[in-house]
Amino acid sequence: MIRQLFRLFSIIKFSNPKKNDVVILYDGFWIKKLILREIKATTIKCYPDVIYLTPMLAIRTLLYIEKNDWIQVVTDHSVKPFMSKVYLLYLRSCIDQAQAKVVITFIDNSGLFWSLSRMDMKRKYYAIQNGTRTTACVRDSLLSYPHRNAVISMTNLFCFGQRDIDLFTQYKHRIDNYYPVGSIIGGYYKSSFLSDQKTTFDLCLVGQWEIPNGLDDKKNNFLIKEVKRVCASLEKLHLFILRFIQETGFDLVICLRNDNDIDEVLFYRNFFGDKVCIPESDRKNFSTYRNIDRSRLAIALNSTPLLDAFSWGKKVLWCNITDDEHYAMPAAGISYFSGNNYTAFKERILMLLNMPQKEYELCTRQNALYINNFNPDNPPHEIIRKTIMKALSE
């Protein structure tokens, strides 16, 4: 209890959020670096990172609480939903205090952001998609009705492509305005750095390492199932890749998911041995994208960098060995493989490696645009910046 109280007091700031035209919800590194640049912004990281506490914030929050909320607490003894709503209204008060015109987030799957975008009509809210969306994102991970987050509902979403729009629509989620612009990090890399990397490796495995026993029964049931599902799919994929490089003598580079996590490195070393290359990871300097550029073919379960590389015309292969619906990517055409058949897996890799580059690009171009609508002449971060600048000038 004492430790919890100490933790609580350590994150309290007895001040209001700084006043700026833009508020960033959660972490703002990429938004500031790629989109806002010289435009000043206030970042509200949310609990458990920080709590702002002032009399004005308290008054604003209390004024937002409706009479029905108090009645529900008294009649139904529903304290937890009430406190959840109070925190949401507190965030709205923080944004009011900052006097923001625009609120933007790179965490597009935030229920807090969805709700704020619906209840706050004083300003514009924009979410930027930060990863590949699957049925787990639009169906399995959501709370049950009548919870407010049972349906994904927000005003504006910068998504990767038409595939995401179709996926959200299929499951009857409500997004007022879609902007299919592509992935901002991959788009920035490809539009800002010359692809002068020499081809060094045959295969590149985009790592998605998970800790299978890193969750206990106190965690939510969905997360436990998700990690087990990922681990089962990755184990099959790793076995196929190991057998392939042993049979062919092809070399392999592995892109780490985390920046220099010793446990992750040991996992791959123990599995693949010393013959594979495992360079240091530096995500903020695009180490994964650079190693994909240096490889003839990139392979993954469903990693977002694979989606980025596909939109550039790079040879890639989504590998759904367990034929799990959560990792299905049939829209990728010949760059999608499913099924527990090693011979077919090997044949697909060899076919892609032997296919002339121009033929591959011609064959996959429409698939790539559907999944990730990247335009090198008008990259995602510039499109988003123009939209934000327009909203600020209104």
Protein backbone atom coordinates (compact mmCIF):
# COMPACT_ATOMS: atom_id res chain seq x y z
CA MET A 1 0.00 0.00 0.00
CA ILE A 2 2.80 2.40 0.94
CA ARG A 3 4.62 1.57 -2.29
CA GLN A 4 1.46 2.27 -4.30
CA LEU A 5 0.97 5.62 -2.59
CA PHE A 6 4.59 6.54 -3.23
CA ARG A 7 4.17 5.62 -6.87
CA LEU A 8 1.00 7.74 -7.08
CA PHE A 9 2.62 10.83 -5.58
CA SER A 10 5.68 10.42 -7.79
CA ILE A 11 3.63 10.86 -10.98
CA ILE A 12 1.54 13.82 -9.80
CA LYS A 13 2.34 17.21 -11.31
CA PHE A 14 0.81 20.11 -9.42
CA SER A 15 0.40 22.13 -12.58
CA ASN A 16 -1.78 22.41 -15.64
CA PRO A 17 -0.71 21.04 -19.04
CA LYS A 18 1.10 23.68 -21.11
CA LYS A 19 -1.04 25.74 -23.47
CA ASN A 20 -0.51 24.83 -27.12
CA ASP A 21 -2.67 24.51 -30.22
CA VAL A 22 -1.85 20.81 -30.48
CA VAL A 23 -2.17 18.13 -27.83
CA ILE A 24 -0.57 14.72 -28.39
CA LEU A 25 -2.17 11.89 -26.48
CA TYR A 26 0.38 9.32 -25.28
CA ASP A 27 3.94 9.31 -26.63
CA GLY A 28 4.75 11.97 -29.20
CA PHE A 29 8.21 11.09 -30.56
CA TRP A 30 7.25 10.22 -34.13
CA ILE A 31 4.47 12.80 -34.32
CA LYS A 32 6.86 15.57 -33.29
CA LYS A 33 9.72 14.33 -35.47
CA LEU A 34 7.83 13.60 -38.68
CA ILE A 35 4.65 15.66 -38.63
CA LEU A 36 4.68 18.67 -36.30
CA ARG A 37 8.38 19.48 -36.46
CA GLU A 38 8.52 23.19 -35.52
CA ILE A 39 4.91 23.29 -34.32
CA LYS A 40 4.79 23.28 -30.53
CA ALA A 41 2.64 20.68 -28.84
CA THR A 42 1.69 19.47 -25.38
CA THR A 43 2.05 15.75 -24.76
CA ILE A 44 -0.36 14.14 -22.30
CA LYS A 45 0.96 10.65 -21.64
CA CYS A 46 -1.97 9.55 -19.47
CA TYR A 47 -1.92 7.33 -16.40
CA PRO A 48 0.27 5.68 -15.16
CA ASP A 49 2.92 8.10 -16.47
CA VAL A 50 1.58 11.38 -15.18
CA ILE A 51 -1.39 12.98 -13.41
CA TYR A 52 -1.91 16.74 -13.51
CA LEU A 53 -3.53 18.11 -10.37
CA THR A 54 -4.77 21.67 -9.91
CA PRO A 55 -7.96 23.24 -8.50
CA MET A 56 -8.99 24.34 -12.00
CA LEU A 57 -8.67 20.82 -13.40
CA ALA A 58 -10.68 19.45 -10.48
CA ILE A 59 -13.44 22.02 -11.00
CA ARG A 60 -13.59 21.43 -14.77
CA THR A 61 -13.82 17.67 -14.24
CA LEU A 62 -16.60 17.98 -11.66
CA LEU A 63 -18.58 20.26 -13.97
CA TYR A 64 -18.40 17.66 -16.74
CA ILE A 65 -19.85 14.91 -14.54
CA GLU A 66 -23.54 14.55 -15.28
CA LYS A 67 -26.35 14.06 -12.78
CA ASN A 68 -27.09 10.59 -14.17
CA ASP A 69 -23.53 9.50 -13.40
CA TRP A 70 -23.98 10.25 -9.70
CA ILE A 71 -27.39 8.55 -9.63
CA GLN A 72 -25.95 5.41 -11.20
CA VAL A 73 -23.25 5.17 -8.54
CA VAL A 74 -25.83 5.42 -5.75
CA THR A 75 -28.40 3.05 -7.27
CA ASP A 76 -26.18 0.44 -8.92
CA HIS A 77 -23.06 0.80 -6.76
CA SER A 78 -21.13 0.92 -10.05
CA VAL A 79 -18.02 2.67 -8.78
CA LYS A 80 -15.53 1.27 -11.30
CA PRO A 81 -17.38 2.47 -14.46
CA PHE A 82 -17.93 5.80 -12.74
CA MET A 83 -14.23 6.25 -11.98
CA SER A 84 -13.39 5.26 -15.54
CA LYS A 85 -15.65 8.00 -16.85
CA VAL A 86 -14.26 10.51 -14.35
CA TYR A 87 -10.76 9.83 -15.67
CA LEU A 88 -12.00 10.33 -19.21
CA LEU A 89 -13.54 13.67 -18.21
CA TYR A 90 -10.34 14.59 -16.42
CA LEU A 91 -8.43 14.07 -19.68
CA ARG A 92 -10.95 16.26 -21.46
CA SER A 93 -10.33 18.92 -18.81
CA CYS A 94 -6.57 18.67 -19.37
CA ILE A 95 -7.10 19.23 -23.09
CA ASP A 96 -9.35 22.20 -22.28
CA GLN A 97 -6.66 23.69 -20.06
CA ALA A 98 -4.13 23.33 -22.88
CA GLN A 99 -6.56 25.25 -25.13
CA ALA A 100 -5.84 22.86 -27.96
CA LYS A 101 -7.40 23.13 -31.40
CA VAL A 102 -6.24 19.67 -32.46
CA VAL A 103 -5.68 16.41 -30.58
CA ILE A 104 -3.59 13.76 -32.30
CA THR A 105 -2.41 10.29 -31.30
CA PHE A 106 -0.27 7.50 -32.72
CA ILE A 107 -2.20 4.99 -30.58
CA ASP A 108 -5.20 4.50 -32.84
CA ASN A 109 -6.53 1.60 -30.74
CA SER A 110 -7.01 3.74 -27.63
CA GLY A 111 -10.52 3.59 -26.18
CA LEU A 112 -9.84 6.82 -24.33
CA PHE A 113 -9.09 8.59 -27.59
CA TRP A 114 -12.18 7.16 -29.28
CA SER A 115 -14.43 8.42 -26.49
CA LEU A 116 -12.80 11.86 -26.34
CA SER A 117 -13.22 12.32 -30.07
CA ARG A 118 -16.96 11.70 -29.70
CA MET A 119 -17.71 13.74 -26.58
CA ASP A 120 -15.49 16.77 -27.30
CA MET A 121 -16.87 18.97 -30.07
CA LYS A 122 -14.57 21.91 -29.34
CA ARG A 123 -11.66 20.60 -31.39
CA LYS A 124 -10.60 18.07 -34.01
CA TYR A 125 -9.27 14.63 -33.17
CA TYR A 126 -6.97 12.63 -35.45
CA ALA A 127 -5.68 9.10 -34.89
CA ILE A 128 -2.75 7.66 -36.86
CA GLN A 129 -2.66 3.90 -37.38
CA ASN A 130 0.48 2.48 -35.83
CA GLY A 131 0.37 -1.18 -36.83
CA THR A 132 -1.22 -3.91 -38.91
CA ARG A 133 -4.85 -4.44 -37.96
CA THR A 134 -6.34 -7.95 -37.80
CA THR A 135 -9.54 -9.61 -36.64
CA ALA A 136 -8.06 -9.62 -33.15
CA CYS A 137 -7.98 -5.80 -33.23
CA VAL A 138 -11.48 -5.26 -34.62
CA ARG A 139 -13.26 -8.17 -32.92
CA ASP A 140 -11.57 -10.31 -30.26
CA SER A 141 -9.85 -7.64 -28.17
CA LEU A 142 -12.90 -5.40 -27.80
CA LEU A 143 -15.06 -5.26 -24.70
CA SER A 144 -18.63 -6.51 -24.67
CA TYR A 145 -21.68 -4.37 -25.31
CA PRO A 146 -22.90 -2.06 -23.74
CA HIS A 147 -19.37 -0.89 -22.85
CA ARG A 148 -18.50 2.28 -24.78
CA ASN A 149 -15.47 0.56 -26.34
CA ALA A 150 -17.44 -2.41 -27.70
CA VAL A 151 -17.42 -0.54 -31.01
CA ILE A 152 -14.46 1.35 -32.45
CA SER A 153 -15.85 4.82 -32.95
CA MET A 154 -13.89 7.98 -33.71
CA THR A 155 -13.96 11.01 -35.94
CA ASN A 156 -10.77 10.83 -38.04
CA LEU A 157 -8.35 8.00 -38.80
CA PHE A 158 -5.21 8.09 -40.94
CA CYS A 159 -5.06 4.43 -41.91
CA PHE A 160 -2.71 2.38 -44.09
CA GLY A 161 -5.02 1.55 -46.98
CA GLN A 162 -8.37 0.39 -48.29
CA ARG A 163 -7.85 -3.01 -46.64
CA ASP A 164 -8.20 -1.36 -43.21
CA ILE A 165 -11.31 0.52 -44.28
CA ASP A 166 -12.89 -2.71 -45.49
CA LEU A 167 -11.89 -4.52 -42.29
CA PHE A 168 -13.38 -1.86 -39.99
CA THR A 169 -16.51 -1.67 -42.13
CA GLN A 170 -16.94 -5.45 -42.15
CA TYR A 171 -17.17 -5.45 -38.36
CA LYS A 172 -19.46 -2.40 -38.31
CA HIS A 173 -17.15 0.07 -36.59
CA ARG A 174 -17.81 3.78 -36.93
CA ILE A 175 -15.10 6.06 -38.28
CA ASP A 176 -16.41 9.30 -39.74
CA ASN A 177 -13.45 10.07 -41.98
CA TYR A 178 -10.84 7.65 -43.29
CA TYR A 179 -7.58 8.91 -44.78
CA PRO A 180 -5.80 5.92 -46.42
CA VAL A 181 -2.32 7.44 -46.57
CA GLY A 182 0.04 4.58 -45.74
CA SER A 183 2.34 3.93 -42.79
CA ILE A 184 4.14 7.05 -41.54
CA ILE A 185 7.38 5.47 -40.27
CA GLY A 186 7.99 3.24 -43.26
CA GLY A 187 6.83 6.01 -45.58
CA TYR A 188 9.25 8.48 -44.01
CA TYR A 189 12.15 6.04 -44.29
CA LYS A 190 11.51 5.25 -47.93
CA SER A 191 10.91 8.85 -48.98
CA SER A 192 13.79 10.35 -46.97
CA PHE A 193 16.69 7.90 -47.30
CA LEU A 194 18.38 6.69 -50.47
CA SER A 195 18.07 2.95 -50.93
CA ASP A 196 21.77 2.46 -51.58
CA GLN A 197 22.03 -0.63 -49.39
CA LYS A 198 23.94 -3.44 -51.06
CA THR A 199 22.16 -6.79 -51.15
CA THR A 200 23.93 -8.77 -48.45
CA PHE A 201 21.47 -11.44 -47.34
CA ASP A 202 19.17 -13.91 -49.03
CA LEU A 203 16.46 -13.88 -46.36
CA CYS A 204 15.43 -11.42 -43.67
CA LEU A 205 13.24 -12.58 -40.79
CA VAL A 206 11.37 -9.64 -39.25
CA GLY A 207 11.29 -10.77 -35.63
CA GLN A 208 8.10 -10.79 -33.57
CA TRP A 209 9.49 -12.51 -30.49
CA GLU A 210 7.11 -12.99 -27.58
CA ILE A 211 7.62 -14.41 -24.10
CA PRO A 212 5.22 -17.39 -23.95
CA ASN A 213 5.29 -17.63 -20.17
CA GLY A 214 5.37 -13.91 -19.50
CA LEU A 215 1.71 -13.65 -18.54
CA ASP A 216 -0.12 -14.88 -15.47
CA ASP A 217 -3.76 -15.62 -14.81
CA LYS A 218 -4.33 -12.12 -13.49
CA LYS A 219 -3.92 -10.68 -16.98
CA ASN A 220 -6.89 -10.46 -19.30
CA ASN A 221 -7.88 -13.64 -21.06
CA PHE A 222 -7.59 -12.17 -24.55
CA LEU A 223 -3.95 -11.17 -24.05
CA ILE A 224 -3.02 -14.64 -22.80
CA LYS A 225 -4.66 -16.28 -25.82
CA GLU A 226 -3.06 -13.78 -28.19
CA VAL A 227 0.47 -14.43 -26.93
CA LYS A 228 -0.03 -18.20 -27.09
CA ARG A 229 -1.38 -17.89 -30.63
CA VAL A 230 1.56 -15.76 -31.76
CA CYS A 231 4.08 -18.10 -30.17
CA ALA A 232 2.52 -21.16 -31.79
CA SER A 233 2.56 -19.54 -35.22
CA LEU A 234 6.12 -18.24 -34.85
CA GLU A 235 7.42 -21.61 -33.68
CA LYS A 236 6.16 -23.27 -36.87
CA LEU A 237 7.55 -20.47 -39.02
CA HIS A 238 10.96 -20.62 -37.35
CA LEU A 239 11.13 -24.39 -37.84
CA PHE A 240 10.37 -24.00 -41.55
CA ILE A 241 12.98 -21.26 -41.99
CA LEU A 242 15.62 -23.24 -40.10
CA ARG A 243 15.02 -26.28 -42.28
CA PHE A 244 15.10 -24.13 -45.42
CA ILE A 245 18.45 -22.48 -44.71
CA GLN A 246 19.94 -25.82 -43.68
CA GLU A 247 18.86 -27.41 -46.95
CA THR A 248 19.76 -24.53 -49.27
CA GLY A 249 22.71 -22.90 -47.53
CA PHE A 250 21.03 -19.50 -47.92
CA ASP A 251 21.97 -16.88 -45.35
CA LEU A 252 19.58 -15.22 -42.93
CA VAL A 253 19.52 -11.91 -41.08
CA ILE A 254 17.15 -11.49 -38.14
CA CYS A 255 15.69 -8.10 -37.22
CA LEU A 256 15.10 -7.91 -33.49
CA ARG A 257 11.74 -6.69 -32.27
CA ASN A 258 13.22 -4.90 -29.27
CA ASP A 259 16.27 -2.71 -29.00
CA ASN A 260 19.07 -4.99 -27.81
CA ASP A 261 17.05 -7.30 -25.56
CA ILE A 262 19.53 -9.95 -24.46
CA ASP A 263 16.78 -12.56 -23.92
CA GLU A 264 15.54 -12.06 -27.47
CA VAL A 265 19.07 -12.42 -28.88
CA LEU A 266 19.64 -15.60 -26.85
CA PHE A 267 16.35 -17.05 -28.08
CA TYR A 268 17.35 -16.68 -31.73
CA ARG A 269 20.91 -17.85 -31.10
CA ASN A 270 19.68 -20.99 -29.35
CA PHE A 271 17.17 -21.67 -32.13
CA PHE A 272 19.14 -20.84 -35.29
CA GLY A 273 22.73 -21.19 -34.10
CA ASP A 274 25.73 -19.03 -34.92
CA LYS A 275 25.38 -18.98 -38.70
CA VAL A 276 22.61 -16.39 -38.81
CA CYS A 277 23.31 -12.66 -38.53
CA ILE A 278 21.63 -10.79 -35.67
CA PRO A 279 22.66 -7.12 -35.88
CA GLU A 280 21.94 -4.65 -33.11
CA SER A 281 18.49 -3.14 -33.21
CA ASP A 282 17.99 0.62 -33.34
CA ARG A 283 14.39 1.30 -34.28
CA LYS A 284 14.69 5.08 -34.17
CA ASN A 285 17.39 4.81 -36.83
CA PHE A 286 15.34 2.37 -38.95
CA SER A 287 17.58 -0.66 -38.46
CA THR A 288 14.80 -3.07 -39.47
CA TYR A 289 14.06 -1.23 -42.71
CA ARG A 290 17.76 -1.02 -43.56
CA ASN A 291 18.20 -4.77 -43.14
CA ILE A 292 15.09 -5.47 -45.21
CA ASP A 293 16.63 -3.29 -47.93
CA ARG A 294 19.81 -5.39 -47.74
CA SER A 295 17.92 -8.67 -48.27
CA ARG A 296 16.51 -10.42 -51.32
CA LEU A 297 13.33 -11.50 -49.50
CA ALA A 298 11.77 -10.44 -46.18
CA ILE A 299 9.64 -12.91 -44.21
CA ALA A 300 7.35 -12.46 -41.20
CA LEU A 301 4.13 -13.58 -39.60
CA ASN A 302 2.37 -10.22 -39.91
CA SER A 303 4.87 -7.52 -38.96
CA THR A 304 4.14 -3.93 -40.03
CA PRO A 305 7.61 -3.42 -41.63
CA LEU A 306 6.69 -6.24 -44.02
CA LEU A 307 3.62 -4.26 -45.06
CA ASP A 308 5.80 -1.18 -45.59
CA ALA A 309 8.36 -3.02 -47.69
CA PHE A 310 5.61 -4.59 -49.80
CA SER A 311 4.38 -1.12 -50.76
CA TRP A 312 7.87 -0.24 -52.03
CA GLY A 313 7.93 -3.23 -54.37
CA LYS A 314 10.25 -5.20 -52.12
CA LYS A 315 9.92 -8.99 -52.26
CA VAL A 316 8.20 -10.15 -49.07
CA LEU A 317 6.27 -13.16 -47.78
CA TRP A 318 3.59 -13.25 -45.09
CA CYS A 319 3.81 -16.75 -43.57
CA ASN A 320 0.73 -18.12 -41.82
CA ILE A 321 1.92 -21.69 -41.26
CA THR A 322 -0.80 -22.47 -38.69
CA ASP A 323 -3.49 -21.12 -41.03
CA ASP A 324 -4.76 -18.86 -38.25
CA GLU A 325 -7.43 -16.38 -39.35
CA HIS A 326 -5.81 -13.69 -37.22
CA TYR A 327 -2.74 -13.67 -39.47
CA ALA A 328 -4.45 -14.09 -42.81
CA MET A 329 -3.27 -11.69 -45.54
CA PRO A 330 -4.76 -13.07 -48.78
CA ALA A 331 -4.78 -9.54 -50.21
CA ALA A 332 -1.00 -9.90 -50.64
CA GLY A 333 -1.49 -12.42 -53.46
CA ILE A 334 1.66 -14.39 -54.22
CA SER A 335 3.34 -12.76 -51.21
CA TYR A 336 1.03 -14.58 -48.81
CA PHE A 337 1.59 -18.22 -47.82
CA SER A 338 -0.63 -20.30 -45.54
CA GLY A 339 -0.69 -23.93 -44.50
CA ASN A 340 1.53 -26.42 -42.70
CA ASN A 341 3.28 -27.70 -45.83
CA TYR A 342 7.06 -27.32 -45.87
CA THR A 343 7.50 -28.36 -49.50
CA ALA A 344 5.02 -25.72 -50.67
CA PHE A 345 6.71 -23.17 -48.38
CA LYS A 346 10.11 -23.90 -49.90
CA GLU A 347 8.75 -23.74 -53.43
CA ARG A 348 7.10 -20.36 -52.77
CA ILE A 349 10.32 -18.83 -51.44
CA LEU A 350 12.36 -20.11 -54.37
CA MET A 351 9.72 -18.90 -56.82
CA LEU A 352 9.79 -15.38 -55.34
CA LEU A 353 13.59 -15.26 -55.25
CA ASN A 354 13.84 -16.34 -58.88
CA MET A 355 11.11 -14.03 -60.16
CA PRO A 356 12.47 -10.95 -62.01
CA GLN A 357 12.01 -7.80 -59.94
CA LYS A 358 9.95 -5.94 -62.55
CA GLU A 359 7.65 -8.93 -62.97
CA TYR A 360 7.17 -9.12 -59.19
CA GLU A 361 6.32 -5.43 -58.92
CA LEU A 362 3.87 -5.65 -61.81
CA CYS A 363 2.23 -8.71 -60.27
CA THR A 364 1.86 -7.23 -56.77
CA ARG A 365 1.41 -3.49 -57.33
CA GLN A 366 -2.37 -3.37 -56.91
CA ASN A 367 -2.20 -5.69 -53.91
CA ALA A 368 0.38 -3.44 -52.30
CA LEU A 369 -1.65 -0.26 -52.81
CA TYR A 370 -4.75 -1.92 -51.39
CA ILE A 371 -2.89 -2.90 -48.22
CA ASN A 372 -0.68 0.18 -47.85
CA ASN A 373 -1.49 3.24 -49.94
CA PHE A 374 2.04 4.65 -49.94
CA ASN A 375 2.93 7.32 -52.50
CA PRO A 376 6.65 8.23 -52.53
CA ASP A 377 5.85 11.60 -54.12
CA ASN A 378 3.38 12.45 -51.35
CA PRO A 379 4.43 10.44 -48.27
CA PRO A 380 2.07 9.88 -45.33
CA HIS A 381 3.73 12.22 -42.86
CA GLU A 382 3.46 15.13 -45.29
CA ILE A 383 -0.22 14.43 -46.01
CA ILE A 384 -0.96 14.32 -42.29
CA ARG A 385 1.01 17.50 -41.66
CA LYS A 386 -0.98 19.37 -44.32
CA THR A 387 -4.24 18.18 -42.77
CA ILE A 388 -3.15 19.29 -39.29
CA MET A 389 -1.97 22.68 -40.58
CA LYS A 390 -5.32 23.21 -42.28
CA ALA A 391 -7.21 22.33 -39.09
CA LEU A 392 -5.06 24.77 -37.08
CA SER A 393 -5.75 27.60 -39.52
CA GLU A 394 -9.53 27.20 -39.36
